[in-house]
């Protein structure tokens, strides 16, 4: 799905978004908090990067998915 669709669904269900190559390794928690989007391990541990900034290529991908 497109990133805006994945983010909307993730926000509605308190979930995260990810891409196929990150399945099982990492995910992104979209928020409106000061830290913005948070990159973390697939199990929700190790928040490693706050304020994730996607590339243009990330924004036009249509293979985003929602993860718990």
N, C-alpha and C. Protein backbone atom coordinates (compact mmCIF):
# COMPACT_ATOMS: atom_id res chain seq x y z
N UNK A 1 0.85 -1.17 0.00
CA UNK A 1 0.00 0.00 0.00
C UNK A 1 0.89 1.23 0.00
N UNK A 2 0.31 2.37 -0.35
CA UNK A 2 1.04 3.63 -0.34
C UNK A 2 1.31 4.05 1.10
N UNK A 3 2.35 4.85 1.31
CA UNK A 3 2.74 5.23 2.67
C UNK A 3 1.60 5.94 3.41
N UNK A 4 0.84 6.80 2.75
CA UNK A 4 -0.23 7.50 3.45
C UNK A 4 -1.33 6.53 3.90
N UNK A 5 -1.56 5.48 3.12
CA UNK A 5 -2.55 4.47 3.52
C UNK A 5 -2.04 3.67 4.71
N UNK A 6 -0.77 3.29 4.67
CA UNK A 6 -0.18 2.52 5.76
C UNK A 6 -0.15 3.33 7.06
N UNK A 7 0.24 4.60 6.97
CA UNK A 7 0.29 5.45 8.16
C UNK A 7 -1.10 5.63 8.75
N UNK A 8 -2.08 5.89 7.92
CA UNK A 8 -3.45 6.07 8.41
C UNK A 8 -3.93 4.83 9.15
N UNK A 9 -3.72 3.66 8.56
CA UNK A 9 -4.14 2.41 9.19
C UNK A 9 -3.36 2.16 10.48
N UNK A 10 -2.05 2.43 10.45
CA UNK A 10 -1.22 2.23 11.64
C UNK A 10 -1.68 3.14 12.78
N UNK A 11 -1.97 4.40 12.48
CA UNK A 11 -2.43 5.32 13.51
C UNK A 11 -3.77 4.89 14.10
N UNK A 12 -4.67 4.40 13.27
CA UNK A 12 -5.98 3.96 13.74
C UNK A 12 -5.88 2.78 14.69
N UNK A 13 -4.87 1.93 14.50
CA UNK A 13 -4.74 0.69 15.28
C UNK A 13 -3.51 0.65 16.18
N UNK A 14 -2.86 1.81 16.38
CA UNK A 14 -1.65 1.89 17.21
C UNK A 14 -0.61 0.86 16.78
N UNK A 15 -0.32 0.86 15.48
CA UNK A 15 0.64 -0.08 14.92
C UNK A 15 1.79 0.67 14.26
N UNK A 16 2.65 -0.06 13.57
CA UNK A 16 3.81 0.50 12.89
C UNK A 16 3.74 0.19 11.41
N UNK A 17 4.62 0.81 10.64
CA UNK A 17 4.71 0.54 9.20
C UNK A 17 6.09 -0.04 8.89
N UNK A 18 6.18 -0.75 7.79
CA UNK A 18 7.46 -1.32 7.40
C UNK A 18 7.46 -1.57 5.89
N UNK A 19 8.61 -1.96 5.41
CA UNK A 19 8.80 -2.31 4.00
C UNK A 19 9.24 -3.77 3.91
N UNK A 20 9.05 -4.41 2.77
CA UNK A 20 9.39 -5.83 2.65
C UNK A 20 10.81 -6.18 3.10
N UNK A 21 11.79 -5.36 2.76
CA UNK A 21 13.17 -5.70 3.12
C UNK A 21 13.46 -5.52 4.61
N UNK A 22 12.53 -4.90 5.36
CA UNK A 22 12.73 -4.72 6.79
C UNK A 22 11.90 -5.68 7.64
N UNK A 23 11.04 -6.49 7.02
CA UNK A 23 10.21 -7.43 7.77
C UNK A 23 11.08 -8.31 8.66
N UNK A 24 10.71 -8.39 9.91
CA UNK A 24 11.45 -9.22 10.85
C UNK A 24 12.68 -8.56 11.44
N UNK A 25 13.03 -7.37 10.97
CA UNK A 25 14.21 -6.70 11.51
C UNK A 25 13.90 -5.33 12.10
N UNK A 26 13.06 -4.54 11.42
CA UNK A 26 12.75 -3.20 11.94
C UNK A 26 11.40 -2.71 11.45
N UNK A 27 10.90 -1.68 12.13
CA UNK A 27 9.64 -1.08 11.77
C UNK A 27 9.67 0.39 12.19
N UNK A 28 8.68 1.14 11.73
CA UNK A 28 8.62 2.58 11.98
C UNK A 28 7.30 2.91 12.64
N UNK A 29 7.37 3.58 13.79
CA UNK A 29 6.16 4.00 14.52
C UNK A 29 5.86 5.44 14.15
N UNK A 30 4.80 5.70 13.36
CA UNK A 30 4.46 7.08 13.01
C UNK A 30 3.75 7.75 14.19
N UNK A 31 4.18 8.97 14.54
CA UNK A 31 3.54 9.72 15.62
C UNK A 31 3.51 11.20 15.26
N UNK A 32 2.75 11.96 16.03
CA UNK A 32 2.76 13.41 15.95
C UNK A 32 3.48 13.99 17.16
N UNK A 33 4.14 13.15 17.92
CA UNK A 33 4.89 13.58 19.10
C UNK A 33 6.18 14.27 18.67
N UNK A 34 6.88 14.92 19.60
CA UNK A 34 8.13 15.61 19.24
C UNK A 34 9.15 14.73 18.53
N UNK A 35 9.21 13.45 18.85
CA UNK A 35 10.17 12.54 18.20
C UNK A 35 9.75 12.12 16.80
N UNK A 36 8.52 12.47 16.42
CA UNK A 36 7.95 12.12 15.12
C UNK A 36 7.98 10.62 14.89
N UNK A 37 8.43 10.19 13.73
CA UNK A 37 8.47 8.76 13.41
C UNK A 37 9.68 8.12 14.07
N UNK A 38 9.47 6.95 14.67
CA UNK A 38 10.52 6.29 15.44
C UNK A 38 10.85 4.95 14.79
N UNK A 39 12.10 4.75 14.44
CA UNK A 39 12.58 3.47 13.90
C UNK A 39 12.96 2.59 15.08
N UNK A 40 12.50 1.33 15.06
CA UNK A 40 12.79 0.40 16.16
C UNK A 40 12.94 -1.01 15.62
N UNK A 41 13.40 -1.90 16.49
CA UNK A 41 13.50 -3.31 16.12
C UNK A 41 12.12 -3.88 15.85
N UNK A 42 12.05 -4.96 15.11
CA UNK A 42 10.78 -5.58 14.75
C UNK A 42 9.96 -5.98 15.98
N UNK A 43 10.64 -6.28 17.09
CA UNK A 43 9.94 -6.66 18.31
C UNK A 43 9.55 -5.45 19.16
N UNK A 44 9.80 -4.24 18.66
CA UNK A 44 9.45 -3.02 19.38
C UNK A 44 10.53 -2.51 20.29
N UNK A 45 11.63 -3.23 20.35
CA UNK A 45 12.73 -2.82 21.22
C UNK A 45 13.70 -1.91 20.48
N UNK A 46 14.61 -1.39 21.21
CA UNK A 46 15.73 -0.61 20.67
C UNK A 46 15.29 0.53 19.76
N UNK A 47 14.47 1.46 20.27
CA UNK A 47 14.18 2.61 19.41
C UNK A 47 15.51 3.24 19.01
N UNK A 48 15.83 3.17 17.75
CA UNK A 48 17.18 3.53 17.33
C UNK A 48 17.28 4.90 16.68
N UNK A 49 16.18 5.39 16.18
CA UNK A 49 16.25 6.67 15.49
C UNK A 49 14.92 7.40 15.63
N UNK A 50 15.00 8.59 16.17
CA UNK A 50 13.81 9.43 16.30
C UNK A 50 13.83 10.47 15.18
N UNK A 51 12.66 10.84 14.70
CA UNK A 51 12.58 11.84 13.66
C UNK A 51 13.00 11.30 12.30
N UNK A 52 12.68 10.04 12.02
CA UNK A 52 13.01 9.42 10.73
C UNK A 52 12.56 10.34 9.60
N UNK A 53 13.43 10.51 8.63
CA UNK A 53 13.12 11.35 7.47
C UNK A 53 13.21 10.48 6.22
N UNK A 54 12.07 10.18 5.61
CA UNK A 54 12.08 9.32 4.43
C UNK A 54 12.68 10.02 3.22
N UNK A 55 13.23 9.22 2.35
CA UNK A 55 13.72 9.75 1.07
C UNK A 55 12.54 9.90 0.11
N UNK A 56 12.75 10.59 -0.99
CA UNK A 56 11.71 10.70 -2.00
C UNK A 56 11.32 9.31 -2.51
N UNK A 57 12.31 8.45 -2.68
CA UNK A 57 12.03 7.09 -3.14
C UNK A 57 11.13 6.34 -2.15
N UNK A 58 11.36 6.54 -0.83
CA UNK A 58 10.51 5.91 0.18
C UNK A 58 9.07 6.39 0.06
N UNK A 59 8.90 7.66 -0.20
CA UNK A 59 7.56 8.25 -0.25
C UNK A 59 6.74 7.82 -1.44
N UNK A 60 7.38 7.40 -2.52
CA UNK A 60 6.62 6.98 -3.71
C UNK A 60 6.50 5.47 -3.85
N UNK A 61 7.03 4.73 -2.89
CA UNK A 61 6.88 3.27 -2.92
C UNK A 61 5.43 2.89 -2.63
N UNK A 62 5.00 1.77 -3.18
CA UNK A 62 3.63 1.32 -2.90
C UNK A 62 3.61 -0.07 -2.26
N UNK A 63 4.73 -0.41 -1.59
CA UNK A 63 4.80 -1.73 -0.93
C UNK A 63 4.95 -1.61 0.59
N UNK A 64 4.44 -0.53 1.16
CA UNK A 64 4.42 -0.38 2.60
C UNK A 64 3.39 -1.32 3.20
N UNK A 65 3.63 -1.77 4.43
CA UNK A 65 2.67 -2.60 5.12
C UNK A 65 2.60 -2.18 6.58
N UNK A 66 1.57 -2.67 7.28
CA UNK A 66 1.34 -2.35 8.68
C UNK A 66 1.73 -3.57 9.50
N UNK A 67 2.46 -3.31 10.59
CA UNK A 67 2.91 -4.36 11.50
C UNK A 67 2.44 -4.04 12.91
N UNK A 68 2.27 -5.05 13.73
CA UNK A 68 1.91 -4.83 15.15
C UNK A 68 3.08 -4.31 15.92
